[in-house]
Amino acid sequence: MSEHRKPWHGVVVATSLPFNADLTVDHGAYAESVARLAAEGVHGVAPNGSLGEYQTLTYEERDRVVETALAAAPDGFTVMPGVGAYGGVEARRHARFAKEAGCQAVMCLPPNSYRADDRAVLEHFELVASAGLPVVAYNNPVDTKVDLRPELLAALHAEGFVVGVKEFSGDVRRCYEISELAPGLDLVIGTDDTVLEVGTAGAKGWVAGFPQVFPRACLALYEASLAGDLGTALPLYRRLHPILRWDSRTEFVQAIKLGQDMTGRRGGVCRPPRQPLDPRTEEALRATVRALVDAGVS
């Protein structure tokens, strides 16, 4: 890894997880996906996140997914697993496994499905940080019912519990407040359809979904956004936005997997409770992907 790039910097792909027909994990296909992403130029992967359907995986399955990613990763390529769980003890367990397996950092949601107050959030991240790896907080208030507000992130950073935040609230205005309250906390783009806005606000990385479908275009967009090169970034952003906005929709996992299937990659089915896309939604998504492919986007 470059001495100038921290493990959570750059484009770290929140990977989808391929399943066999019986819905067991297809580790061979997942290893191929990780190796391909590395060859396509992204900087790392984040297995066992929302895109990896972590909520449907057993502890053993989550462990094996991490091991598969590490085995497929070349030198200098980040493996930053999600350690999301209902409570801090469970999340710490996943973080400890990640450290023992050889990961460089972890990504952590606040307590899932519980309206935790600030004290509970601080304890949660303290437990995860005690595993000994750098922790990137993941702010997804819609799914977790907990909002990691700028002042709460500043407190977490001041205590040494988090090094960065994957900001998924969609409110790009708060990026500036985060930087003001916690200048040393690294801002990481969390929604694919805010790359330009958060990138120009000072992001250091992008935990991304759609580079699994259009890696070269997404990398170019990320680099131009961080460089403030609007002449390059804005036209590309306009072209990609019809597909990037699917990352913020309920069907984002199914959408990205379909995009992978349509571009010669392995996507496939999801585990319940995720259902196949309804015909109208699928056709709209197919048309969006097809238009980009026909335009030469890759």
C-alpha atoms as a PDB file:
ATOM      1  CA  MET A   1       0.000   0.000   0.000  1.00  0.00           C
ATOM      2  CA  SER A   2       1.233   3.474  -0.837  1.00  0.00           C
ATOM      3  CA  GLU A   3       2.666   5.166   2.230  1.00  0.00           C
ATOM      4  CA  HIS A   4       0.555   8.202   1.324  1.00  0.00           C
ATOM      5  CA  ARG A   5      -2.781   6.355   1.180  1.00  0.00           C
ATOM      6  CA  LYS A   6      -4.506   5.260   4.331  1.00  0.00           C
ATOM      7  CA  PRO A   7      -6.495   2.016   4.017  1.00  0.00           C
ATOM      8  CA  TRP A   8      -9.855   3.795   3.922  1.00  0.00           C
ATOM      9  CA  HIS A   9      -8.748   6.333   1.297  1.00  0.00           C
ATOM     10  CA  GLY A  10      -9.488   5.982  -2.393  1.00  0.00           C
ATOM     11  CA  VAL A  11     -12.298   3.994  -3.981  1.00  0.00           C
ATOM     12  CA  VAL A  12     -13.155   1.097  -1.671  1.00  0.00           C
ATOM     13  CA  VAL A  13     -15.930  -0.978  -3.202  1.00  0.00           C
ATOM     14  CA  ALA A  14     -18.728  -2.190  -0.963  1.00  0.00           C
ATOM     15  CA  THR A  15     -18.935  -5.550  -2.656  1.00  0.00           C
ATOM     16  CA  SER A  16     -22.051  -7.492  -3.483  1.00  0.00           C
ATOM     17  CA  LEU A  17     -21.955 -11.183  -2.637  1.00  0.00           C
ATOM     18  CA  PRO A  18     -22.695 -13.906  -5.210  1.00  0.00           C
ATOM     19  CA  PHE A  19     -24.803 -16.883  -4.160  1.00  0.00           C
ATOM     20  CA  ASN A  20     -25.211 -20.341  -5.606  1.00  0.00           C
ATOM     21  CA  ALA A  21     -28.608 -21.624  -6.714  1.00  0.00           C
ATOM     22  CA  ASP A  22     -29.238 -22.936  -3.188  1.00  0.00           C
ATOM     23  CA  LEU A  23     -28.335 -19.500  -1.762  1.00  0.00           C
ATOM     24  CA  THR A  24     -25.061 -20.650  -0.237  1.00  0.00           C
ATOM     25  CA  VAL A  25     -22.153 -18.225  -0.736  1.00  0.00           C
ATOM     26  CA  ASP A  26     -20.221 -18.741  -3.977  1.00  0.00           C
ATOM     27  CA  HIS A  27     -16.729 -18.079  -2.657  1.00  0.00           C
ATOM     28  CA  GLY A  28     -15.048 -18.838  -5.984  1.00  0.00           C
ATOM     29  CA  ALA A  29     -17.093 -16.184  -7.764  1.00  0.00           C
ATOM     30  CA  TYR A  30     -16.531 -13.720  -4.927  1.00  0.00           C
ATOM     31  CA  ALA A  31     -12.762 -14.221  -5.075  1.00  0.00           C
ATOM     32  CA  GLU A  32     -12.884 -13.585  -8.832  1.00  0.00           C
ATOM     33  CA  SER A  33     -14.857 -10.390  -8.231  1.00  0.00           C
ATOM     34  CA  VAL A  34     -12.315  -9.072  -5.711  1.00  0.00           C
ATOM     35  CA  ALA A  35      -9.383  -9.900  -7.992  1.00  0.00           C
ATOM     36  CA  ARG A  36     -11.105  -8.268 -10.950  1.00  0.00           C
ATOM     37  CA  LEU A  37     -11.827  -5.081  -9.009  1.00  0.00           C
ATOM     38  CA  ALA A  38      -8.170  -4.864  -8.009  1.00  0.00           C
ATOM     39  CA  ALA A  39      -7.135  -5.305 -11.641  1.00  0.00           C
ATOM     40  CA  GLU A  40      -9.587  -2.588 -12.689  1.00  0.00           C
ATOM     41  CA  GLY A  41      -7.825  -0.083 -10.477  1.00  0.00           C
ATOM     42  CA  VAL A  42      -9.985   0.456  -7.411  1.00  0.00           C
ATOM     43  CA  HIS A  43      -8.195   0.690  -4.095  1.00  0.00           C
ATOM     44  CA  GLY A  44      -9.967  -1.879  -1.953  1.00  0.00           C
ATOM     45  CA  VAL A  45     -13.129  -3.712  -0.986  1.00  0.00           C
ATOM     46  CA  ALA A  46     -15.507  -3.529   1.942  1.00  0.00           C
ATOM     47  CA  PRO A  47     -17.122  -6.958   2.352  1.00  0.00           C
ATOM     48  CA  ASN A  48     -20.023  -7.655   4.726  1.00  0.00           C
ATOM     49  CA  GLY A  49     -21.651  -4.277   4.250  1.00  0.00           C
ATOM     50  CA  SER A  50     -25.235  -3.630   3.287  1.00  0.00           C
ATOM     51  CA  LEU A  51     -24.405  -4.464  -0.322  1.00  0.00           C
ATOM     52  CA  GLY A  52     -22.954  -7.750   0.881  1.00  0.00           C
ATOM     53  CA  GLU A  53     -26.295  -8.621   2.537  1.00  0.00           C
ATOM     54  CA  TYR A  54     -24.523  -9.015   5.870  1.00  0.00           C
ATOM     55  CA  GLN A  55     -27.791  -9.126   7.800  1.00  0.00           C
ATOM     56  CA  THR A  56     -28.574 -12.501   6.204  1.00  0.00           C
ATOM     57  CA  LEU A  57     -25.166 -14.071   6.909  1.00  0.00           C
ATOM     58  CA  THR A  58     -24.144 -16.221   9.854  1.00  0.00           C
ATOM     59  CA  TYR A  59     -20.996 -15.368  11.777  1.00  0.00           C
ATOM     60  CA  GLU A  60     -19.177 -18.241  10.067  1.00  0.00           C
ATOM     61  CA  GLU A  61     -20.273 -17.006   6.663  1.00  0.00           C
ATOM     62  CA  ARG A  62     -19.118 -13.488   7.440  1.00  0.00           C
ATOM     63  CA  ASP A  63     -15.731 -14.801   8.556  1.00  0.00           C
ATOM     64  CA  ARG A  64     -15.277 -16.849   5.399  1.00  0.00           C
ATOM     65  CA  VAL A  65     -16.212 -13.897   3.197  1.00  0.00           C
ATOM     66  CA  VAL A  66     -13.467 -11.843   4.875  1.00  0.00           C
ATOM     67  CA  GLU A  67     -10.965 -14.658   4.402  1.00  0.00           C
ATOM     68  CA  THR A  68     -11.933 -15.007   0.748  1.00  0.00           C
ATOM     69  CA  ALA A  69     -11.454 -11.293   0.127  1.00  0.00           C
ATOM     70  CA  LEU A  70      -8.049 -11.294   1.814  1.00  0.00           C
ATOM     71  CA  ALA A  71      -6.883 -14.328  -0.154  1.00  0.00           C
ATOM     72  CA  ALA A  72      -7.873 -12.667  -3.444  1.00  0.00           C
ATOM     73  CA  ALA A  73      -6.472  -9.218  -2.607  1.00  0.00           C
ATOM     74  CA  PRO A  74      -3.066  -8.243  -4.027  1.00  0.00           C
ATOM     75  CA  ASP A  75      -0.470  -6.418  -1.948  1.00  0.00           C
ATOM     76  CA  GLY A  76      -1.531  -2.886  -1.072  1.00  0.00           C
ATOM     77  CA  PHE A  77      -5.218  -3.563  -1.665  1.00  0.00           C
ATOM     78  CA  THR A  78      -7.521  -2.691   1.228  1.00  0.00           C
ATOM     79  CA  VAL A  79      -9.919  -5.172   2.789  1.00  0.00           C
ATOM     80  CA  MET A  80     -12.130  -3.194   5.187  1.00  0.00           C
ATOM     81  CA  PRO A  81     -15.036  -5.370   6.290  1.00  0.00           C
ATOM     82  CA  GLY A  82     -18.238  -4.087   7.728  1.00  0.00           C
ATOM     83  CA  VAL A  83     -18.746  -5.122  11.347  1.00  0.00           C
ATOM     84  CA  GLY A  84     -22.338  -3.960  11.677  1.00  0.00           C
ATOM     85  CA  ALA A  85     -24.343  -5.676  14.425  1.00  0.00           C
ATOM     86  CA  TYR A  86     -27.158  -5.060  16.859  1.00  0.00           C
ATOM     87  CA  GLY A  87     -24.784  -4.437  19.756  1.00  0.00           C
ATOM     88  CA  GLY A  88     -21.208  -3.461  20.469  1.00  0.00           C
ATOM     89  CA  VAL A  89     -20.159  -6.863  21.803  1.00  0.00           C
ATOM     90  CA  GLU A  90     -21.146  -8.529  18.540  1.00  0.00           C
ATOM     91  CA  ALA A  91     -19.561  -5.781  16.426  1.00  0.00           C
ATOM     92  CA  ARG A  92     -16.340  -6.038  18.458  1.00  0.00           C
ATOM     93  CA  ARG A  93     -16.289  -9.773  17.799  1.00  0.00           C
ATOM     94  CA  HIS A  94     -16.320  -9.140  14.034  1.00  0.00           C
ATOM     95  CA  ALA A  95     -13.640  -6.449  14.383  1.00  0.00           C
ATOM     96  CA  ARG A  96     -11.405  -8.802  16.341  1.00  0.00           C
ATOM     97  CA  PHE A  97     -11.766 -11.450  13.658  1.00  0.00           C
ATOM     98  CA  ALA A  98     -10.906  -8.874  10.999  1.00  0.00           C
ATOM     99  CA  LYS A  99      -7.721  -7.925  12.827  1.00  0.00           C
ATOM    100  CA  GLU A 100      -6.650 -11.518  13.380  1.00  0.00           C
ATOM    101  CA  ALA A 101      -7.321 -12.327   9.734  1.00  0.00           C
ATOM    102  CA  GLY A 102      -5.111  -9.460   8.534  1.00  0.00           C
ATOM    103  CA  CYS A 103      -7.486  -6.635   7.573  1.00  0.00           C
ATOM    104  CA  GLN A 104      -6.287  -3.029   7.684  1.00  0.00           C
ATOM    105  CA  ALA A 105      -9.451  -1.312   8.992  1.00  0.00           C
ATOM    106  CA  VAL A 106     -13.144  -1.924   9.638  1.00  0.00           C
ATOM    107  CA  MET A 107     -16.341  -0.046   8.864  1.00  0.00           C
ATOM    108  CA  CYS A 108     -18.936   0.167  11.596  1.00  0.00           C
ATOM    109  CA  LEU A 109     -22.566   1.192  11.830  1.00  0.00           C
ATOM    110  CA  PRO A 110     -24.029   2.369  15.128  1.00  0.00           C
ATOM    111  CA  PRO A 111     -26.263  -0.137  16.942  1.00  0.00           C
ATOM    112  CA  ASN A 112     -28.738  -1.525  14.417  1.00  0.00           C
ATOM    113  CA  SER A 113     -32.504  -1.092  14.774  1.00  0.00           C
ATOM    114  CA  TYR A 114     -32.283   0.558  18.190  1.00  0.00           C
ATOM    115  CA  ARG A 115     -32.667   4.264  18.790  1.00  0.00           C
ATOM    116  CA  ALA A 116     -29.434   4.521  20.718  1.00  0.00           C
ATOM    117  CA  ASP A 117     -28.656   7.755  22.549  1.00  0.00           C
ATOM    118  CA  ASP A 118     -25.227   9.357  22.426  1.00  0.00           C
ATOM    119  CA  ARG A 119     -23.952   7.405  25.434  1.00  0.00           C
ATOM    120  CA  ALA A 120     -24.860   4.112  23.794  1.00  0.00           C
ATOM    121  CA  VAL A 121     -23.243   5.163  20.521  1.00  0.00           C
ATOM    122  CA  LEU A 122     -20.017   6.154  22.278  1.00  0.00           C
ATOM    123  CA  GLU A 123     -19.886   2.825  24.108  1.00  0.00           C
ATOM    124  CA  HIS A 124     -20.606   0.940  20.884  1.00  0.00           C
ATOM    125  CA  PHE A 125     -17.691   2.494  19.026  1.00  0.00           C
ATOM    126  CA  GLU A 126     -15.417   2.227  22.061  1.00  0.00           C
ATOM    127  CA  LEU A 127     -16.002  -1.519  22.090  1.00  0.00           C
ATOM    128  CA  VAL A 128     -15.270  -1.831  18.376  1.00  0.00           C
ATOM    129  CA  ALA A 129     -12.175   0.377  18.561  1.00  0.00           C
ATOM    130  CA  SER A 130     -10.834  -1.801  21.393  1.00  0.00           C
ATOM    131  CA  ALA A 131     -10.253  -4.560  18.826  1.00  0.00           C
ATOM    132  CA  GLY A 132      -7.261  -2.546  17.655  1.00  0.00           C
ATOM    133  CA  LEU A 133      -8.064  -1.637  14.047  1.00  0.00           C
ATOM    134  CA  PRO A 134      -8.898   1.834  12.677  1.00  0.00           C
ATOM    135  CA  VAL A 135     -12.676   2.275  12.566  1.00  0.00           C
ATOM    136  CA  VAL A 136     -14.548   4.142   9.852  1.00  0.00           C
ATOM    137  CA  ALA A 137     -17.993   5.034  11.138  1.00  0.00           C
ATOM    138  CA  TYR A 138     -20.899   4.440   8.779  1.00  0.00           C
ATOM    139  CA  ASN A 139     -23.698   6.955   9.141  1.00  0.00           C
ATOM    140  CA  ASN A 140     -26.917   5.514   7.714  1.00  0.00           C
ATOM    141  CA  PRO A 141     -29.722   7.006   9.812  1.00  0.00           C
ATOM    142  CA  VAL A 142     -32.495   5.630   7.589  1.00  0.00           C
ATOM    143  CA  ASP A 143     -31.521   2.000   8.158  1.00  0.00           C
ATOM    144  CA  THR A 144     -30.129   2.171  11.699  1.00  0.00           C
ATOM    145  CA  LYS A 145     -32.490   4.751  13.282  1.00  0.00           C
ATOM    146  CA  VAL A 146     -29.388   6.515  14.671  1.00  0.00           C
ATOM    147  CA  ASP A 147     -27.977   9.690  13.136  1.00  0.00           C
ATOM    148  CA  LEU A 148     -24.271  10.247  13.651  1.00  0.00           C
ATOM    149  CA  ARG A 149     -24.634  14.017  13.749  1.00  0.00           C
ATOM    150  CA  PRO A 150     -21.541  16.175  13.179  1.00  0.00           C
ATOM    151  CA  GLU A 151     -21.179  16.933  16.894  1.00  0.00           C
ATOM    152  CA  LEU A 152     -21.480  13.246  17.774  1.00  0.00           C
ATOM    153  CA  LEU A 153     -18.886  12.320  15.156  1.00  0.00           C
ATOM    154  CA  ALA A 154     -16.604  14.979  16.619  1.00  0.00           C
ATOM    155  CA  ALA A 155     -16.988  13.381  20.064  1.00  0.00           C
ATOM    156  CA  LEU A 156     -16.263   9.913  18.678  1.00  0.00           C
ATOM    157  CA  HIS A 157     -13.161  11.221  16.923  1.00  0.00           C
ATOM    158  CA  ALA A 158     -11.958  13.151  19.978  1.00  0.00           C
ATOM    159  CA  GLU A 159     -12.134   9.927  22.013  1.00  0.00           C
ATOM    160  CA  GLY A 160     -10.037   8.142  19.391  1.00  0.00           C
ATOM    161  CA  PHE A 161     -12.816   5.714  18.464  1.00  0.00           C
ATOM    162  CA  VAL A 162     -13.145   6.581  14.745  1.00  0.00           C
ATOM    163  CA  VAL A 163     -10.784   7.777  12.008  1.00  0.00           C
ATOM    164  CA  GLY A 164     -13.352   8.589   9.343  1.00  0.00           C
ATOM    165  CA  VAL A 165     -17.020   8.520   8.445  1.00  0.00           C
ATOM    166  CA  LYS A 166     -18.844   7.045   5.501  1.00  0.00           C
ATOM    167  CA  GLU A 167     -21.509   9.723   5.204  1.00  0.00           C
ATOM    168  CA  PHE A 168     -24.743   8.205   3.871  1.00  0.00           C
ATOM    169  CA  SER A 169     -27.296  10.696   5.169  1.00  0.00           C
ATOM    170  CA  GLY A 170     -27.492  12.349   1.757  1.00  0.00           C
ATOM    171  CA  ASP A 171     -27.232  15.778   3.388  1.00  0.00           C
ATOM    172  CA  VAL A 172     -24.064  17.138   1.818  1.00  0.00           C
ATOM    173  CA  ARG A 173     -24.339  20.354   3.837  1.00  0.00           C
ATOM    174  CA  ARG A 174     -23.157  18.573   6.964  1.00  0.00           C
ATOM    175  CA  CYS A 175     -19.831  17.699   5.341  1.00  0.00           C
ATOM    176  CA  TYR A 176     -18.584  21.209   6.049  1.00  0.00           C
ATOM    177  CA  GLU A 177     -19.719  21.110   9.660  1.00  0.00           C
ATOM    178  CA  ILE A 178     -17.993  17.766  10.171  1.00  0.00           C
ATOM    179  CA  SER A 179     -14.753  19.276   8.854  1.00  0.00           C
ATOM    180  CA  GLU A 180     -15.145  22.288  11.143  1.00  0.00           C
ATOM    181  CA  LEU A 181     -15.884  20.290  14.295  1.00  0.00           C
ATOM    182  CA  ALA A 182     -13.438  17.444  13.627  1.00  0.00           C
ATOM    183  CA  PRO A 183     -10.737  18.589  11.187  1.00  0.00           C
ATOM    184  CA  GLY A 184      -8.816  15.335  11.541  1.00  0.00           C
ATOM    185  CA  LEU A 185     -11.791  13.077  10.780  1.00  0.00           C
ATOM    186  CA  ASP A 186     -11.647  11.780   7.220  1.00  0.00           C
ATOM    187  CA  LEU A 187     -14.803  12.310   5.192  1.00  0.00           C
ATOM    188  CA  VAL A 188     -15.716   9.333   3.004  1.00  0.00           C
ATOM    189  CA  ILE A 189     -18.353   9.528   0.270  1.00  0.00           C
ATOM    190  CA  GLY A 190     -21.156   7.155   1.209  1.00  0.00           C
ATOM    191  CA  THR A 191     -23.834   7.627  -1.450  1.00  0.00           C
ATOM    192  CA  ASP A 192     -22.910   7.081  -5.076  1.00  0.00           C
ATOM    193  CA  ASP A 193     -25.183   9.928  -6.181  1.00  0.00           C
ATOM    194  CA  THR A 194     -23.322  12.558  -4.110  1.00  0.00           C
ATOM    195  CA  VAL A 195     -19.799  11.852  -5.397  1.00  0.00           C
ATOM    196  CA  LEU A 196     -19.265  15.290  -6.876  1.00  0.00           C
ATOM    197  CA  GLU A 197     -20.731  17.240  -3.954  1.00  0.00           C
ATOM    198  CA  VAL A 198     -18.951  15.325  -1.183  1.00  0.00           C
ATOM    199  CA  GLY A 199     -15.791  14.947  -3.259  1.00  0.00           C
ATOM    200  CA  THR A 200     -15.430  18.690  -3.675  1.00  0.00           C
ATOM    201  CA  ALA A 201     -16.251  19.156   0.041  1.00  0.00           C
ATOM    202  CA  GLY A 202     -12.980  17.462   0.967  1.00  0.00           C
ATOM    203  CA  ALA A 203     -13.554  13.695   0.881  1.00  0.00           C
ATOM    204  CA  LYS A 204     -10.607  11.344   1.200  1.00  0.00           C
ATOM    205  CA  GLY A 205     -12.369   8.227  -0.075  1.00  0.00           C
ATOM    206  CA  TRP A 206     -15.500   6.697  -1.538  1.00  0.00           C
ATOM    207  CA  VAL A 207     -17.097   3.519  -0.215  1.00  0.00           C
ATOM    208  CA  ALA A 208     -18.797   2.771  -3.474  1.00  0.00           C
ATOM    209  CA  GLY A 209     -21.295   0.445  -5.111  1.00  0.00           C
ATOM    210  CA  PHE A 210     -21.442   1.143  -8.829  1.00  0.00           C
ATOM    211  CA  PRO A 211     -17.720   0.790  -9.628  1.00  0.00           C
ATOM    212  CA  GLN A 212     -18.698  -2.887  -9.703  1.00  0.00           C
ATOM    213  CA  VAL A 213     -20.596  -2.057 -12.893  1.00  0.00           C
ATOM    214  CA  PHE A 214     -18.680   0.858 -14.448  1.00  0.00           C
ATOM    215  CA  PRO A 215     -15.266   0.877 -12.757  1.00  0.00           C
ATOM    216  CA  ARG A 216     -13.305   3.076 -15.144  1.00  0.00           C
ATOM    217  CA  ALA A 217     -15.956   5.770 -15.383  1.00  0.00           C
ATOM    218  CA  CYS A 218     -16.472   5.806 -11.610  1.00  0.00           C
ATOM    219  CA  LEU A 219     -12.737   6.061 -10.957  1.00  0.00           C
ATOM    220  CA  ALA A 220     -12.462   8.962 -13.389  1.00  0.00           C
ATOM    221  CA  LEU A 221     -15.402  10.709 -11.714  1.00  0.00           C
ATOM    222  CA  TYR A 222     -13.916  10.215  -8.248  1.00  0.00           C
ATOM    223  CA  GLU A 223     -10.494  11.519  -9.211  1.00  0.00           C
ATOM    224  CA  ALA A 224     -11.877  14.558 -11.032  1.00  0.00           C
ATOM    225  CA  SER A 225     -14.229  15.382  -8.156  1.00  0.00           C
ATOM    226  CA  LEU A 226     -11.477  15.312  -5.544  1.00  0.00           C
ATOM    227  CA  ALA A 227      -9.237  17.379  -7.811  1.00  0.00           C
ATOM    228  CA  GLY A 228     -11.967  19.985  -8.274  1.00  0.00           C
ATOM    229  CA  ASP A 229     -11.774  19.412 -12.034  1.00  0.00           C
ATOM    230  CA  LEU A 230     -15.358  20.363 -12.824  1.00  0.00           C
ATOM    231  CA  GLY A 231     -14.705  20.431 -16.552  1.00  0.00           C
ATOM    232  CA  THR A 232     -14.154  16.670 -16.392  1.00  0.00           C
ATOM    233  CA  ALA A 233     -16.315  15.758 -13.436  1.00  0.00           C
ATOM    234  CA  LEU A 234     -19.579  17.548 -14.172  1.00  0.00           C
ATOM    235  CA  PRO A 235     -20.320  16.105 -17.642  1.00  0.00           C
ATOM    236  CA  LEU A 236     -19.357  12.625 -16.434  1.00  0.00           C
ATOM    237  CA  TYR A 237     -21.463  13.034 -13.317  1.00  0.00           C
ATOM    238  CA  ARG A 238     -24.486  14.070 -15.370  1.00  0.00           C
ATOM    239  CA  ARG A 239     -24.020  11.028 -17.598  1.00  0.00           C
ATOM    240  CA  LEU A 240     -23.653   8.591 -14.685  1.00  0.00           C
ATOM    241  CA  HIS A 241     -26.207  10.066 -12.293  1.00  0.00           C
ATOM    242  CA  PRO A 242     -29.207   8.128 -13.676  1.00  0.00           C
ATOM    243  CA  ILE A 243     -27.496   4.902 -12.562  1.00  0.00           C
ATOM    244  CA  LEU A 244     -25.709   6.237  -9.467  1.00  0.00           C
ATOM    245  CA  ARG A 245     -28.974   7.329  -7.849  1.00  0.00           C
ATOM    246  CA  TRP A 246     -30.075   3.693  -7.630  1.00  0.00           C
ATOM    247  CA  ASP A 247     -27.520   3.352  -4.811  1.00  0.00           C
ATOM    248  CA  SER A 248     -29.857   5.334  -2.536  1.00  0.00           C
ATOM    249  CA  ARG A 249     -32.969   3.281  -3.284  1.00  0.00           C
ATOM    250  CA  THR A 250     -34.366   0.306  -1.415  1.00  0.00           C
ATOM    251  CA  GLU A 251     -33.510  -2.014  -4.322  1.00  0.00           C
ATOM    252  CA  PHE A 252     -29.865  -0.941  -4.542  1.00  0.00           C
ATOM    253  CA  VAL A 253     -28.478  -4.456  -4.028  1.00  0.00           C
ATOM    254  CA  GLN A 254     -30.667  -5.946  -6.745  1.00  0.00           C
ATOM    255  CA  ALA A 255     -29.870  -2.993  -9.021  1.00  0.00           C
ATOM    256  CA  ILE A 256     -26.104  -3.344  -8.691  1.00  0.00           C
ATOM    257  CA  LYS A 257     -26.251  -7.111  -9.119  1.00  0.00           C
ATOM    258  CA  LEU A 258     -28.299  -6.681 -12.293  1.00  0.00           C
ATOM    259  CA  GLY A 259     -25.789  -4.137 -13.560  1.00  0.00           C
ATOM    260  CA  GLN A 260     -23.001  -6.611 -12.883  1.00  0.00           C
ATOM    261  CA  ASP A 261     -24.829  -9.318 -14.814  1.00  0.00           C
ATOM    262  CA  MET A 262     -25.386  -6.953 -17.742  1.00  0.00           C
ATOM    263  CA  THR A 263     -21.700  -5.999 -17.958  1.00  0.00           C
ATOM    264  CA  GLY A 264     -20.181  -9.472 -17.813  1.00  0.00           C
ATOM    265  CA  ARG A 265     -19.664  -9.682 -14.084  1.00  0.00           C
ATOM    266  CA  ARG A 266     -21.254 -11.968 -11.518  1.00  0.00           C
ATOM    267  CA  GLY A 267     -24.249 -10.472  -9.739  1.00  0.00           C
ATOM    268  CA  GLY A 268     -27.047 -12.990  -9.473  1.00  0.00           C
ATOM    269  CA  VAL A 269     -29.790 -13.476  -6.949  1.00  0.00           C
ATOM    270  CA  CYS A 270     -30.243 -12.106  -3.454  1.00  0.00           C
ATOM    271  CA  ARG A 271     -31.193 -13.836  -0.230  1.00  0.00           C
ATOM    272  CA  PRO A 272     -34.582 -13.176   1.335  1.00  0.00           C
ATOM    273  CA  PRO A 273     -36.041 -10.804   2.286  1.00  0.00           C
ATOM    274  CA  ARG A 274     -34.774  -9.168  -0.919  1.00  0.00           C
ATOM    275  CA  GLN A 275     -36.949 -10.183  -3.850  1.00  0.00           C
ATOM    276  CA  PRO A 276     -36.264 -10.013  -7.596  1.00  0.00           C
ATOM    277  CA  LEU A 277     -37.043  -6.628  -9.083  1.00  0.00           C
ATOM    278  CA  ASP A 278     -40.596  -6.229 -10.314  1.00  0.00           C
ATOM    279  CA  PRO A 279     -40.816  -6.197 -14.153  1.00  0.00           C
ATOM    280  CA  ARG A 280     -41.367  -2.445 -14.499  1.00  0.00           C
ATOM    281  CA  THR A 281     -38.470  -1.567 -12.200  1.00  0.00           C
ATOM    282  CA  GLU A 282     -36.185  -4.093 -13.861  1.00  0.00           C
ATOM    283  CA  GLU A 283     -36.934  -2.764 -17.334  1.00  0.00           C
ATOM    284  CA  ALA A 284     -36.255   0.818 -16.243  1.00  0.00           C
ATOM    285  CA  LEU A 285     -32.936  -0.219 -14.737  1.00  0.00           C
ATOM    286  CA  ARG A 286     -31.990  -2.302 -17.779  1.00  0.00           C
ATOM    287  CA  ALA A 287     -32.671   0.659 -20.039  1.00  0.00           C
ATOM    288  CA  THR A 288     -30.439   2.903 -17.917  1.00  0.00           C
ATOM    289  CA  VAL A 289     -27.548   0.417 -17.919  1.00  0.00           C
ATOM    290  CA  ARG A 290     -27.994  -0.358 -21.610  1.00  0.00           C
ATOM    291  CA  ALA A 291     -27.860   3.317 -22.545  1.00  0.00           C
ATOM    292  CA  LEU A 292     -24.543   3.750 -20.743  1.00  0.00           C
ATOM    293  CA  VAL A 293     -23.054   0.604 -22.248  1.00  0.00           C
ATOM    294  CA  ASP A 294     -24.177   1.647 -25.736  1.00  0.00           C
ATOM    295  CA  ALA A 295     -22.537   5.039 -25.141  1.00  0.00           C
ATOM    296  CA  GLY A 296     -19.226   3.303 -24.439  1.00  0.00           C
ATOM    297  CA  VAL A 297     -19.180   3.812 -20.671  1.00  0.00           C
ATOM    298  CA  SER A 298     -17.169   1.114 -18.882  1.00  0.00           C
END
